[in-house]
C-alpha atoms as a PDB file:
ATOM      1  CA  MET A   1      14.501  18.378  14.412  1.00  0.00           C
ATOM      2  CA  SER A   2      15.570  17.213  11.184  1.00  0.00           C
ATOM      3  CA  PRO A   3      12.044  16.099   9.284  1.00  0.00           C
ATOM      4  CA  ASN A   4      13.489  12.494   9.355  1.00  0.00           C
ATOM      5  CA  LYS A   5      12.800  12.322  13.026  1.00  0.00           C
ATOM      6  CA  SER A   6      10.301  14.378  13.482  1.00  0.00           C
ATOM      7  CA  SER A   7       8.376  11.401  10.822  1.00  0.00           C
ATOM      8  CA  ASP A   8       9.565   8.918  13.018  1.00  0.00           C
ATOM      9  CA  GLN A   9       8.103   9.823  16.206  1.00  0.00           C
ATOM     10  CA  SER A  10       5.099  10.525  14.607  1.00  0.00           C
ATOM     11  CA  ASN A  11       4.603   7.575  13.477  1.00  0.00           C
ATOM     12  CA  GLN A  12       5.074   5.960  16.452  1.00  0.00           C
ATOM     13  CA  SER A  13       2.543   8.403  18.248  1.00  0.00           C
ATOM     14  CA  LEU A  14       0.419   7.229  15.589  1.00  0.00           C
ATOM     15  CA  SER A  15       1.129   3.285  16.108  1.00  0.00           C
ATOM     16  CA  ARG A  16       0.262   3.685  20.130  1.00  0.00           C
ATOM     17  CA  VAL A  17      -2.826   5.402  18.854  1.00  0.00           C
ATOM     18  CA  LEU A  18      -4.164   2.570  16.525  1.00  0.00           C
ATOM     19  CA  ASP A  19      -2.627  -0.176  19.510  1.00  0.00           C
ATOM     20  CA  ARG A  20      -4.936   1.468  21.334  1.00  0.00           C
ATOM     21  CA  ILE A  21      -8.093   2.126  19.142  1.00  0.00           C
ATOM     22  CA  LEU A  22      -7.923  -1.438  16.924  1.00  0.00           C
ATOM     23  CA  VAL A  23      -9.388  -3.394  19.179  1.00  0.00           C
ATOM     24  CA  SER A  24      -9.590  -6.272  16.843  1.00  0.00           C
ATOM     25  CA  PRO A  25      -7.413  -7.036  13.525  1.00  0.00           C
ATOM     26  CA  LEU A  26      -8.468  -5.543  10.575  1.00  0.00           C
ATOM     27  CA  ILE A  27     -10.072  -8.411   8.073  1.00  0.00           C
ATOM     28  CA  VAL A  28      -8.669  -8.242   4.422  1.00  0.00           C
ATOM     29  CA  LEU A  29      -9.315 -10.195   1.119  1.00  0.00           C
ATOM     30  CA  ASP A  30      -7.375 -10.297  -1.278  1.00  0.00           C
ATOM     31  CA  GLY A  31      -9.254 -11.753  -4.430  1.00  0.00           C
ATOM     32  CA  GLY A  32      -6.706 -12.580  -6.996  1.00  0.00           C
ATOM     33  CA  ALA A  33      -2.958 -12.884  -5.068  1.00  0.00           C
ATOM     34  CA  LYS A  34      -1.005 -14.002  -7.867  1.00  0.00           C
ATOM     35  CA  GLY A  35       2.780 -12.911  -7.064  1.00  0.00           C
ATOM     36  CA  GLY A  36       1.316 -12.381  -3.314  1.00  0.00           C
ATOM     37  CA  THR A  37      -1.160 -10.154  -1.479  1.00  0.00           C
ATOM     38  CA  ARG A  38       0.525  -6.841  -0.892  1.00  0.00           C
ATOM     39  CA  GLU A  39      -2.871  -4.517   0.266  1.00  0.00           C
ATOM     40  CA  LEU A  40      -2.597  -1.717   3.077  1.00  0.00           C
ATOM     41  CA  VAL A  41       0.777  -2.023   3.305  1.00  0.00           C
ATOM     42  CA  ARG A  42       0.731   0.660   5.880  1.00  0.00           C
ATOM     43  CA  LEU A  43      -1.330  -1.129   7.883  1.00  0.00           C
ATOM     44  CA  ALA A  44      -0.190  -4.561   8.018  1.00  0.00           C
ATOM     45  CA  ARG A  45       0.617  -5.053  11.594  1.00  0.00           C
ATOM     46  CA  TYR A  46      -3.320  -4.595  12.638  1.00  0.00           C
ATOM     47  CA  ILE A  47      -4.342  -6.829   8.949  1.00  0.00           C
ATOM     48  CA  SER A  48      -5.335 -10.239   9.294  1.00  0.00           C
ATOM     49  CA  ALA A  49      -5.433 -11.356   5.410  1.00  0.00           C
ATOM     50  CA  TYR A  50      -6.955 -14.077   2.844  1.00  0.00           C
ATOM     51  CA  GLY A  51      -5.054 -14.177  -0.174  1.00  0.00           C
ATOM     52  CA  PHE A  52      -6.986 -16.655  -2.880  1.00  0.00           C
ATOM     53  CA  GLU A  53      -5.217 -17.984  -5.993  1.00  0.00           C
ATOM     54  CA  ALA A  54      -6.772 -20.496  -7.529  1.00  0.00           C
ATOM     55  CA  ASN A  55      -4.418 -21.367 -10.439  1.00  0.00           C
ATOM     56  CA  ARG A  56      -2.109 -23.917  -8.573  1.00  0.00           C
ATOM     57  CA  SER A  57       1.262 -23.211 -10.116  1.00  0.00           C
ATOM     58  CA  GLU A  58       0.849 -19.477  -8.821  1.00  0.00           C
ATOM     59  CA  TYR A  59      -0.441 -20.058  -5.092  1.00  0.00           C
ATOM     60  CA  ASP A  60       2.774 -23.069  -5.325  1.00  0.00           C
ATOM     61  CA  LYS A  61       5.127 -19.781  -6.617  1.00  0.00           C
ATOM     62  CA  ILE A  62       3.551 -18.271  -3.376  1.00  0.00           C
ATOM     63  CA  VAL A  63       3.526 -20.426  -0.505  1.00  0.00           C
ATOM     64  CA  ARG A  64       7.008 -22.400  -2.106  1.00  0.00           C
ATOM     65  CA  ASN A  65       8.675 -18.703  -1.305  1.00  0.00           C
ATOM     66  CA  PRO A  66       6.165 -16.159   0.444  1.00  0.00           C
ATOM     67  CA  SER A  67       9.633 -13.564   0.937  1.00  0.00           C
ATOM     68  CA  ALA A  68       9.924 -13.240  -2.480  1.00  0.00           C
ATOM     69  CA  SER A  69       6.053 -12.045  -3.676  1.00  0.00           C
ATOM     70  CA  GLY A  70       6.962  -8.955  -1.273  1.00  0.00           C
ATOM     71  CA  SER A  71       3.857  -8.834   0.998  1.00  0.00           C
ATOM     72  CA  PRO A  72       4.068  -6.806   4.068  1.00  0.00           C
ATOM     73  CA  GLN A  73       4.523  -8.385   7.706  1.00  0.00           C
ATOM     74  CA  TYR A  74       0.681  -8.632   8.462  1.00  0.00           C
ATOM     75  CA  LYS A  75       0.035 -10.141  11.528  1.00  0.00           C
ATOM     76  CA  ARG A  76      -1.926 -13.173  10.114  1.00  0.00           C
ATOM     77  CA  ILE A  77      -1.990 -13.761   6.243  1.00  0.00           C
ATOM     78  CA  SER A  78      -3.858 -17.259   4.883  1.00  0.00           C
ATOM     79  CA  TYR A  79      -2.851 -18.173   1.201  1.00  0.00           C
ATOM     80  CA  LEU A  80      -5.822 -20.430  -0.238  1.00  0.00           C
ATOM     81  CA  PRO A  81      -5.953 -22.436  -3.240  1.00  0.00           C
ATOM     82  CA  LEU A  82      -9.813 -21.061  -3.849  1.00  0.00           C
ATOM     83  CA  ALA A  83     -11.498 -19.421  -6.534  1.00  0.00           C
ATOM     84  CA  LEU A  84     -13.810 -16.721  -4.934  1.00  0.00           C
ATOM     85  CA  ALA A  85     -17.036 -17.737  -7.172  1.00  0.00           C
ATOM     86  CA  GLU A  86     -20.694 -17.389  -8.064  1.00  0.00           C
ATOM     87  CA  CYS A  87     -21.045 -21.030  -5.862  1.00  0.00           C
ATOM     88  CA  SER A  88     -19.086 -23.191  -4.023  1.00  0.00           C
ATOM     89  CA  GLY A  89     -17.677 -26.370  -5.770  1.00  0.00           C
ATOM     90  CA  LYS A  90     -15.941 -27.462  -8.989  1.00  0.00           C
ATOM     91  CA  VAL A  91     -15.236 -24.283 -11.380  1.00  0.00           C
ATOM     92  CA  THR A  92     -13.554 -24.344 -14.475  1.00  0.00           C
ATOM     93  CA  LEU A  93     -10.383 -21.765 -15.076  1.00  0.00           C
ATOM     94  CA  TYR A  94      -9.092 -20.951 -18.161  1.00  0.00           C
ATOM     95  CA  ILE A  95      -5.336 -20.441 -18.337  1.00  0.00           C
ATOM     96  CA  THR A  96      -4.557 -17.901 -21.063  1.00  0.00           C
ATOM     97  CA  LYS A  97      -1.131 -17.527 -22.416  1.00  0.00           C
ATOM     98  CA  ARG A  98      -1.123 -14.098 -20.833  1.00  0.00           C
ATOM     99  CA  PRO A  99      -1.638 -15.744 -17.088  1.00  0.00           C
ATOM    100  CA  GLY A 100      -2.693 -12.386 -15.462  1.00  0.00           C
ATOM    101  CA  ALA A 101      -5.302 -12.816 -18.024  1.00  0.00           C
ATOM    102  CA  THR A 102      -6.935 -16.456 -15.897  1.00  0.00           C
ATOM    103  CA  SER A 103     -10.262 -16.700 -15.872  1.00  0.00           C
ATOM    104  CA  THR A 104     -13.424 -18.454 -14.553  1.00  0.00           C
ATOM    105  CA  LEU A 105     -14.804 -16.693 -17.429  1.00  0.00           C
ATOM    106  CA  ARG A 106     -13.754 -17.905 -21.234  1.00  0.00           C
ATOM    107  CA  PRO A 107     -12.724 -14.813 -23.255  1.00  0.00           C
ATOM    108  CA  ASN A 108     -14.449 -13.474 -25.607  1.00  0.00           C
ATOM    109  CA  ALA A 109     -12.136 -14.342 -28.933  1.00  0.00           C
ATOM    110  CA  GLU A 110     -14.114 -12.376 -30.878  1.00  0.00           C
ATOM    111  CA  LEU A 111     -14.672  -8.624 -29.155  1.00  0.00           C
ATOM    112  CA  LEU A 112     -10.805  -9.188 -28.455  1.00  0.00           C
ATOM    113  CA  ALA A 113      -9.984 -10.453 -31.852  1.00  0.00           C
ATOM    114  CA  HIS A 114     -10.931  -6.128 -32.681  1.00  0.00           C
ATOM    115  CA  PHE A 115      -7.587  -5.394 -30.498  1.00  0.00           C
ATOM    116  CA  GLU A 116      -5.329  -7.379 -32.316  1.00  0.00           C
ATOM    117  CA  ARG A 117      -2.605  -5.026 -33.028  1.00  0.00           C
ATOM    118  CA  ASP A 118      -2.726  -4.302 -29.490  1.00  0.00           C
ATOM    119  CA  ASN A 119      -1.013  -8.188 -28.827  1.00  0.00           C
ATOM    120  CA  TRP A 120      -4.060  -8.974 -27.270  1.00  0.00           C
ATOM    121  CA  SER A 121      -4.249 -12.665 -28.734  1.00  0.00           C
ATOM    122  CA  GLN A 122      -2.015 -13.749 -26.075  1.00  0.00           C
ATOM    123  CA  MET A 123      -5.026 -12.974 -24.405  1.00  0.00           C
ATOM    124  CA  ARG A 124      -8.248 -14.741 -25.907  1.00  0.00           C
ATOM    125  CA  GLU A 125      -5.634 -17.545 -26.507  1.00  0.00           C
ATOM    126  CA  VAL A 126      -6.523 -20.742 -23.666  1.00  0.00           C
ATOM    127  CA  VAL A 127      -3.330 -22.605 -23.359  1.00  0.00           C
ATOM    128  CA  SER A 128      -5.113 -25.350 -20.817  1.00  0.00           C
ATOM    129  CA  GLU A 129      -8.476 -25.452 -18.662  1.00  0.00           C
ATOM    130  CA  GLN A 130      -8.457 -26.673 -14.850  1.00  0.00           C
ATOM    131  CA  VAL A 131     -11.360 -27.953 -12.682  1.00  0.00           C
ATOM    132  CA  VAL A 132     -10.515 -26.175  -9.487  1.00  0.00           C
ATOM    133  CA  GLU A 133     -12.091 -25.350  -6.215  1.00  0.00           C
ATOM    134  CA  ALA A 134     -14.707 -22.692  -5.677  1.00  0.00           C
ATOM    135  CA  ILE A 135     -16.189 -20.978  -2.811  1.00  0.00           C
ATOM    136  CA  SER A 136     -19.075 -18.141  -2.906  1.00  0.00           C
ATOM    137  CA  LEU A 137     -18.150 -15.113  -0.655  1.00  0.00           C
ATOM    138  CA  ARG A 138     -21.151 -16.175   1.203  1.00  0.00           C
ATOM    139  CA  ASP A 139     -19.825 -19.429   2.413  1.00  0.00           C
ATOM    140  CA  PHE A 140     -16.372 -18.210   2.494  1.00  0.00           C
ATOM    141  CA  ILE A 141     -17.908 -15.835   5.839  1.00  0.00           C
ATOM    142  CA  MET A 142     -19.217 -18.350   7.282  1.00  0.00           C
ATOM    143  CA  ARG A 143     -16.539 -20.741   6.966  1.00  0.00           C
ATOM    144  CA  GLU A 144     -14.632 -18.526   8.913  1.00  0.00           C
ATOM    145  CA  HIS A 145     -16.723 -17.055  11.317  1.00  0.00           C
ATOM    146  CA  LEU A 146     -16.557 -13.478  10.077  1.00  0.00           C
ATOM    147  CA  SER A 147     -18.161 -10.779  11.519  1.00  0.00           C
ATOM    148  CA  SER A 148     -17.038  -8.250   8.818  1.00  0.00           C
ATOM    149  CA  ILE A 149     -14.866  -7.480   6.379  1.00  0.00           C
ATOM    150  CA  ASP A 150     -12.636  -4.071   6.147  1.00  0.00           C
ATOM    151  CA  TYR A 151     -11.324  -4.321   3.114  1.00  0.00           C
ATOM    152  CA  ILE A 152     -11.604  -6.639   0.364  1.00  0.00           C
ATOM    153  CA  LYS A 153      -9.878  -6.250  -3.445  1.00  0.00           C
ATOM    154  CA  LEU A 154     -11.593  -8.230  -6.006  1.00  0.00           C
ATOM    155  CA  ASP A 155      -8.860  -9.201  -9.380  1.00  0.00           C
ATOM    156  CA  THR A 156     -11.157 -11.560 -10.465  1.00  0.00           C
ATOM    157  CA  GLN A 157     -10.664 -11.360 -14.404  1.00  0.00           C
ATOM    158  CA  GLY A 158     -14.526 -10.561 -14.956  1.00  0.00           C
ATOM    159  CA  ASN A 159     -16.309 -12.698 -12.620  1.00  0.00           C
ATOM    160  CA  GLU A 160     -15.847  -9.450  -9.613  1.00  0.00           C
ATOM    161  CA  LEU A 161     -19.766  -9.143  -9.906  1.00  0.00           C
ATOM    162  CA  HIS A 162     -20.634 -12.753  -9.382  1.00  0.00           C
ATOM    163  CA  ILE A 163     -18.532 -12.820  -5.937  1.00  0.00           C
ATOM    164  CA  LEU A 164     -20.270  -9.964  -4.753  1.00  0.00           C
ATOM    165  CA  ARG A 165     -23.686 -11.172  -5.137  1.00  0.00           C
ATOM    166  CA  SER A 166     -22.842 -14.231  -3.777  1.00  0.00           C
ATOM    167  CA  ALA A 167     -22.498 -12.942  -0.271  1.00  0.00           C
ATOM    168  CA  GLY A 168     -26.301 -12.153  -0.534  1.00  0.00           C
ATOM    169  CA  GLU A 169     -27.374  -9.303   2.203  1.00  0.00           C
ATOM    170  CA  LEU A 170     -23.855 -10.093   3.868  1.00  0.00           C
ATOM    171  CA  VAL A 171     -22.326  -7.950   0.875  1.00  0.00           C
ATOM    172  CA  GLN A 172     -23.098  -5.137   3.859  1.00  0.00           C
ATOM    173  CA  LYS A 173     -20.457  -6.511   6.434  1.00  0.00           C
ATOM    174  CA  ILE A 174     -18.111  -5.211   4.045  1.00  0.00           C
ATOM    175  CA  SER A 175     -16.775  -1.508   4.712  1.00  0.00           C
ATOM    176  CA  VAL A 176     -14.166  -0.785   1.582  1.00  0.00           C
ATOM    177  CA  ILE A 177     -14.016  -2.388  -2.096  1.00  0.00           C
ATOM    178  CA  LYS A 178     -11.877  -2.225  -4.777  1.00  0.00           C
ATOM    179  CA  THR A 179     -12.783  -3.886  -7.771  1.00  0.00           C
ATOM    180  CA  GLU A 180     -11.369  -4.192 -11.137  1.00  0.00           C
ATOM    181  CA  VAL A 181     -14.558  -2.923 -13.835  1.00  0.00           C
ATOM    182  CA  GLU A 182     -14.273  -3.824 -17.579  1.00  0.00           C
ATOM    183  CA  LEU A 183     -16.141  -0.987 -19.816  1.00  0.00           C
ATOM    184  CA  ILE A 184     -16.631  -3.963 -22.384  1.00  0.00           C
ATOM    185  CA  PRO A 185     -17.106  -7.239 -22.065  1.00  0.00           C
ATOM    186  CA  VAL A 186     -13.774  -8.720 -22.411  1.00  0.00           C
ATOM    187  CA  TYR A 187     -14.782 -12.460 -21.119  1.00  0.00           C
ATOM    188  CA  MET A 188     -17.701 -14.130 -22.357  1.00  0.00           C
ATOM    189  CA  SER A 189     -20.965 -13.336 -20.297  1.00  0.00           C
ATOM    190  CA  GLN A 190     -18.886 -10.772 -18.141  1.00  0.00           C
ATOM    191  CA  PRO A 191     -20.787  -7.774 -16.036  1.00  0.00           C
ATOM    192  CA  LEU A 192     -19.604  -4.275 -16.489  1.00  0.00           C
ATOM    193  CA  LEU A 193     -18.893  -1.079 -14.716  1.00  0.00           C
ATOM    194  CA  GLY A 194     -22.650  -0.373 -14.810  1.00  0.00           C
ATOM    195  CA  ASP A 195     -23.538  -3.606 -13.768  1.00  0.00           C
ATOM    196  CA  ILE A 196     -21.505  -3.331 -10.489  1.00  0.00           C
ATOM    197  CA  CYS A 197     -22.306   0.194  -9.963  1.00  0.00           C
ATOM    198  CA  SER A 198     -25.748  -0.549  -9.900  1.00  0.00           C
ATOM    199  CA  PHE A 199     -25.771  -3.595  -7.708  1.00  0.00           C
ATOM    200  CA  LEU A 200     -23.662  -2.243  -5.135  1.00  0.00           C
ATOM    201  CA  THR A 201     -25.896   1.324  -5.026  1.00  0.00           C
ATOM    202  CA  SER A 202     -28.661  -0.891  -4.380  1.00  0.00           C
ATOM    203  CA  GLN A 203     -27.083  -2.501  -1.332  1.00  0.00           C
ATOM    204  CA  GLY A 204     -25.883   1.191   0.117  1.00  0.00           C
ATOM    205  CA  PHE A 205     -22.464   1.604  -1.434  1.00  0.00           C
ATOM    206  CA  GLN A 206     -21.428   4.676  -2.934  1.00  0.00           C
ATOM    207  CA  LEU A 207     -18.921   4.899  -5.581  1.00  0.00           C
ATOM    208  CA  VAL A 208     -15.653   7.154  -4.345  1.00  0.00           C
ATOM    209  CA  ASP A 209     -13.598   6.898  -7.087  1.00  0.00           C
ATOM    210  CA  LEU A 210     -11.929   5.089 -10.657  1.00  0.00           C
ATOM    211  CA  HIS A 211      -8.870   4.911 -11.069  1.00  0.00           C
ATOM    212  CA  TRP A 212      -6.836   3.545 -14.605  1.00  0.00           C
ATOM    213  CA  THR A 213      -3.132   4.102 -15.804  1.00  0.00           C
ATOM    214  CA  ASP A 214      -1.868   3.900 -19.181  1.00  0.00           C
ATOM    215  CA  PRO A 215      -1.993   0.080 -19.673  1.00  0.00           C
ATOM    216  CA  CYS A 216      -6.005   0.223 -18.792  1.00  0.00           C
ATOM    217  CA  ARG A 217      -5.978   2.503 -22.079  1.00  0.00           C
ATOM    218  CA  ARG A 218      -5.916  -0.256 -25.121  1.00  0.00           C
ATOM    219  CA  TYR A 219      -5.828   0.520 -29.430  1.00  0.00           C
ATOM    220  CA  HIS A 220      -7.587  -0.973 -32.061  1.00  0.00           C
ATOM    221  CA  PHE A 221      -5.439   1.048 -35.026  1.00  0.00           C
ATOM    222  CA  SER A 222      -2.315   2.369 -34.289  1.00  0.00           C
ATOM    223  CA  PRO A 223      -0.003   2.768 -30.760  1.00  0.00           C
ATOM    224  CA  SER A 224       1.111   6.237 -31.969  1.00  0.00           C
ATOM    225  CA  LEU A 225      -1.372   8.658 -31.227  1.00  0.00           C
ATOM    226  CA  PRO A 226      -1.895  10.994 -28.833  1.00  0.00           C
ATOM    227  CA  LYS A 227      -2.693   9.274 -25.236  1.00  0.00           C
ATOM    228  CA  GLY A 228      -5.993  10.759 -25.236  1.00  0.00           C
ATOM    229  CA  SER A 229      -7.021   9.242 -28.203  1.00  0.00           C
ATOM    230  CA  TYR A 230      -7.236   5.489 -27.377  1.00  0.00           C
ATOM    231  CA  ARG A 231     -10.853   3.993 -25.506  1.00  0.00           C
ATOM    232  CA  LEU A 232     -10.590   2.988 -21.560  1.00  0.00           C
ATOM    233  CA  VAL A 233     -10.932  -0.701 -21.487  1.00  0.00           C
ATOM    234  CA  TRP A 234     -10.326  -1.435 -17.760  1.00  0.00           C
ATOM    235  CA  ALA A 235     -10.126   0.732 -14.120  1.00  0.00           C
ATOM    236  CA  GLU A 236     -10.614   0.132 -10.839  1.00  0.00           C
ATOM    237  CA  ALA A 237     -13.719   1.249  -8.701  1.00  0.00           C
ATOM    238  CA  ILE A 238     -13.787   1.965  -5.063  1.00  0.00           C
ATOM    239  CA  PHE A 239     -16.659   1.808  -3.107  1.00  0.00           C
ATOM    240  CA  ALA A 240     -17.811   2.855   0.417  1.00  0.00           C
ATOM    241  CA  TYR A 241     -20.595   0.925   2.015  1.00  0.00           C
ATOM    242  CA  ASP A 242     -23.062   4.001   3.764  1.00  0.00           C
ATOM    243  CA  PRO A 243     -19.875   5.880   4.745  1.00  0.00           C
ATOM    244  CA  PHE A 244     -22.018   9.053   6.139  1.00  0.00           C
ATOM    245  CA  ASN A 245     -23.595   6.597   8.428  1.00  0.00           C
ATOM    246  CA  VAL A 246     -20.827   6.519  11.289  1.00  0.00           C
ATOM    247  CA  SER A 247     -22.801   5.111  13.654  1.00  0.00           C
ATOM    248  CA  LYS A 248     -22.434   1.888  12.238  1.00  0.00           C
ATOM    249  CA  GLU A 249     -19.911  -1.201  13.388  1.00  0.00           C
ATOM    250  CA  ARG A 250     -16.629  -0.681  11.785  1.00  0.00           C
ATOM    251  CA  THR A 251     -16.736   3.032  10.715  1.00  0.00           C
ATOM    252  CA  LEU A 252     -13.307   3.952  12.625  1.00  0.00           C
ATOM    253  CA  GLU A 253     -11.743   1.064  10.657  1.00  0.00           C
ATOM    254  CA  GLN A 254     -13.271   2.325   7.168  1.00  0.00           C
ATOM    255  CA  ALA A 255     -12.300   6.185   7.379  1.00  0.00           C
ATOM    256  CA  ILE A 256      -8.618   4.400   8.203  1.00  0.00           C
ATOM    257  CA  ILE A 257      -8.986   2.344   5.348  1.00  0.00           C
ATOM    258  CA  LEU A 258      -9.913   5.168   3.271  1.00  0.00           C
ATOM    259  CA  ALA A 259      -7.089   7.318   4.386  1.00  0.00           C
ATOM    260  CA  GLU A 260      -4.648   4.624   3.541  1.00  0.00           C
ATOM    261  CA  LEU A 261      -5.986   4.212   0.208  1.00  0.00           C
ATOM    262  CA  GLY A 262      -5.304   7.957  -0.749  1.00  0.00           C
ATOM    263  CA  TYR A 263      -8.709   8.996  -0.139  1.00  0.00           C
ATOM    264  CA  LEU A 264      -8.215  11.557   2.785  1.00  0.00           C
ATOM    265  CA  ASP A 265     -10.855  14.184   2.454  1.00  0.00           C
ATOM    266  CA  LEU A 266     -13.952  11.360   3.138  1.00  0.00           C
ATOM    267  CA  GLY A 267     -11.439   9.459   5.357  1.00  0.00           C
ATOM    268  CA  LEU A 268     -10.433  12.860   7.759  1.00  0.00           C
ATOM    269  CA  TYR A 269     -14.066  13.822   7.631  1.00  0.00           C
ATOM    270  CA  ILE A 270     -15.663  10.502   8.434  1.00  0.00           C
ATOM    271  CA  LEU A 271     -13.241  10.534  11.538  1.00  0.00           C
ATOM    272  CA  GLY A 272     -14.181  14.054  12.354  1.00  0.00           C
ATOM    273  CA  ARG A 273     -17.804  13.336  12.762  1.00  0.00           C
ATOM    274  CA  LEU A 274     -16.599   9.982  15.039  1.00  0.00           C
ATOM    275  CA  THR A 275     -18.644  11.080  18.450  1.00  0.00           C
ATOM    276  CA  SER A 276     -17.066   7.589  19.984  1.00  0.00           C
ATOM    277  CA  LEU A 277     -13.188   8.597  19.562  1.00  0.00           C
ATOM    278  CA  ALA A 278     -11.347  10.325  22.155  1.00  0.00           C
ATOM    279  CA  ASP A 279     -10.948  14.130  21.388  1.00  0.00           C
ATOM    280  CA  ALA A 280      -7.178  13.538  21.343  1.00  0.00           C
ATOM    281  CA  ASP A 281      -6.991  10.525  19.705  1.00  0.00           C
ATOM    282  CA  ARG A 282      -8.994  12.295  16.343  1.00  0.00           C
ATOM    283  CA  GLU A 283      -6.401  15.315  16.761  1.00  0.00           C
ATOM    284  CA  LEU A 284      -4.048  13.246  16.228  1.00  0.00           C
ATOM    285  CA  LEU A 285      -5.216  11.053  13.318  1.00  0.00           C
ATOM    286  CA  LEU A 286      -6.718  14.144  11.580  1.00  0.00           C
ATOM    287  CA  ARG A 287      -3.183  16.256  12.163  1.00  0.00           C
ATOM    288  CA  TYR A 288      -1.442  12.972  10.499  1.00  0.00           C
ATOM    289  CA  TYR A 289      -3.966  12.114   7.678  1.00  0.00           C
ATOM    290  CA  GLN A 290      -3.642  15.556   7.063  1.00  0.00           C
ATOM    291  CA  GLU A 291       0.531  15.133   6.492  1.00  0.00           C
ATOM    292  CA  PRO A 292       0.506  11.710   5.173  1.00  0.00           C
ATOM    293  CA  PRO A 293       3.939  10.074   6.076  1.00  0.00           C
ATOM    294  CA  GLY A 294       5.281   9.742   2.642  1.00  0.00           C
ATOM    295  CA  GLY A 295       5.004  13.453   2.438  1.00  0.00           C
ATOM    296  CA  ARG A 296       6.370  14.565   5.444  1.00  0.00           C
ATOM    297  CA  GLU A 297       9.962  15.775   3.778  1.00  0.00           C
ATOM    298  CA  CYS A 298       8.478  17.657   0.623  1.00  0.00           C
ATOM    299  CA  SER A 299       6.267  19.499   3.253  1.00  0.00           C
ATOM    300  CA  TRP A 300       8.995  20.558   5.336  1.00  0.00           C
ATOM    301  CA  LEU A 301      10.878  21.261   2.002  1.00  0.00           C
ATOM    302  CA  LYS A 302       7.988  23.050   0.733  1.00  0.00           C
ATOM    303  CA  ARG A 303       7.142  24.881   3.900  1.00  0.00           C
ATOM    304  CA  LEU A 304      11.297  25.850   4.234  1.00  0.00           C
ATOM    305  CA  VAL A 305      11.106  27.609   0.373  1.00  0.00           C
ATOM    306  CA  LYS A 306       8.070  28.992   0.547  1.00  0.00           C
ATOM    307  CA  LYS A 307       9.042  31.175   3.627  1.00  0.00           C
ATOM    308  CA  HIS A 308      12.700  32.193   2.286  1.00  0.00           C
ATOM    309  CA  ALA A 309      12.904  31.913  -1.548  1.00  0.00           C
ATOM    310  CA  PRO A 310      11.519  34.326  -3.740  1.00  0.00           C
ATOM    311  CA  GLY A 311       8.735  34.623  -6.313  1.00  0.00           C
ATOM    312  CA  GLN A 312      10.841  33.385  -9.326  1.00  0.00           C
ATOM    313  CA  LEU A 313      12.778  29.950  -7.581  1.00  0.00           C
ATOM    314  CA  LEU A 314       8.895  29.417  -5.965  1.00  0.00           C
ATOM    315  CA  GLU A 315       8.211  29.262  -9.528  1.00  0.00           C
ATOM    316  CA  VAL A 316      10.989  26.966 -11.118  1.00  0.00           C
ATOM    317  CA  TYR A 317      10.041  24.703  -7.791  1.00  0.00           C
ATOM    318  CA  ARG A 318       6.382  24.041  -8.542  1.00  0.00           C
ATOM    319  CA  ILE A 319       7.298  23.337 -12.549  1.00  0.00           C
ATOM    320  CA  LEU A 320       9.893  21.308 -11.331  1.00  0.00           C
ATOM    321  CA  LYS A 321       7.556  19.847  -8.472  1.00  0.00           C
ATOM    322  CA  GLN A 322       5.132  19.439 -11.590  1.00  0.00           C
ATOM    323  CA  GLY A 323       7.517  17.733 -13.699  1.00  0.00           C
ATOM    324  CA  LYS A 324       8.181  14.502 -11.361  1.00  0.00           C
ATOM    325  CA  THR A 325       4.610  14.232 -10.550  1.00  0.00           C
ATOM    326  CA  SER A 326       4.410  13.874 -14.122  1.00  0.00           C
ATOM    327  CA  GLN A 327       6.674  11.897 -14.522  1.00  0.00           C
ATOM    328  CA  SER A 328       5.982   9.328 -11.317  1.00  0.00           C
ATOM    329  CA  LYS A 329       2.700   8.921 -13.146  1.00  0.00           C
ATOM    330  CA  GLU A 330       3.600   7.646 -16.832  1.00  0.00           C
ATOM    331  CA  VAL A 331       3.340   4.141 -16.856  1.00  0.00           C
ATOM    332  CA  THR A 332       4.610   1.783 -19.439  1.00  0.00           C
ATOM    333  CA  ARG A 333       2.339   0.034 -21.946  1.00  0.00           C
ATOM    334  CA  ILE A 334       1.690  -3.637 -21.599  1.00  0.00           C
ATOM    335  CA  PRO A 335       2.822  -5.139 -24.700  1.00  0.00           C
END
């Protein structure tokens, strides 16, 4: 049987299991949906998503031509011209020369001046201010009658902690959080990584990972130094609510989302402890996620090489694989 055919059959088997065990849609919130929502692509058919984009021009681009955003075919998606914020009502949106830095917080021009050689002058230059409608996370949950949120992604340029706090006790209804975090106050009165970790830990969340790429490191002096020379300015943090408590609601959904995000070890550990899951379904999920679809052909080739190739060829294979991996992780620095 060819690896492609085997992969297709495995995908179909997984879909049949998910069709049966996911009894309600996965609820996904995308805070900062500039360019369209593209979260948890492989689970799209099971997801009811809400994308928030307060910048009216960016919102219009999405709704005018949704197919151009490259968003997957979600079960349902609604784009909202709203800002997630600490309180519902009117807020000021500071639109910067660099559109991706637009925020409800004013840029910290004094601090950003220290990165002037890194072309951050665009980030601190506010080109216009808009008064927009905002909604707190608690008010949105109540308005939409959401009993839970399986996954929320926040890329709202500095006010992520304000948004999470705005949920009140309902923040514990969120299973998995992916949020941008800063290590220095890029915006005025901005909470930092430690503040977000402290709050979410107090609410029963565990920090699963910090993820960053080359553009998350910025320079003061020179772009020509070794990569490890530059300070980390921002990153993405992944949190899971009470992951070892497999008796809580939506634990199955949490485990699958963690696995889809790449955190296979924790996701599989949770799946393995779920007594509510039928043995056959559990075994299929464990088998599937231990050999993800994206890596099946590579895994098939790797097994073939290991079985038949001499040691010298195996060493060449490993070197080439490392080179390919390093190249795929290379990210062009944002000017």
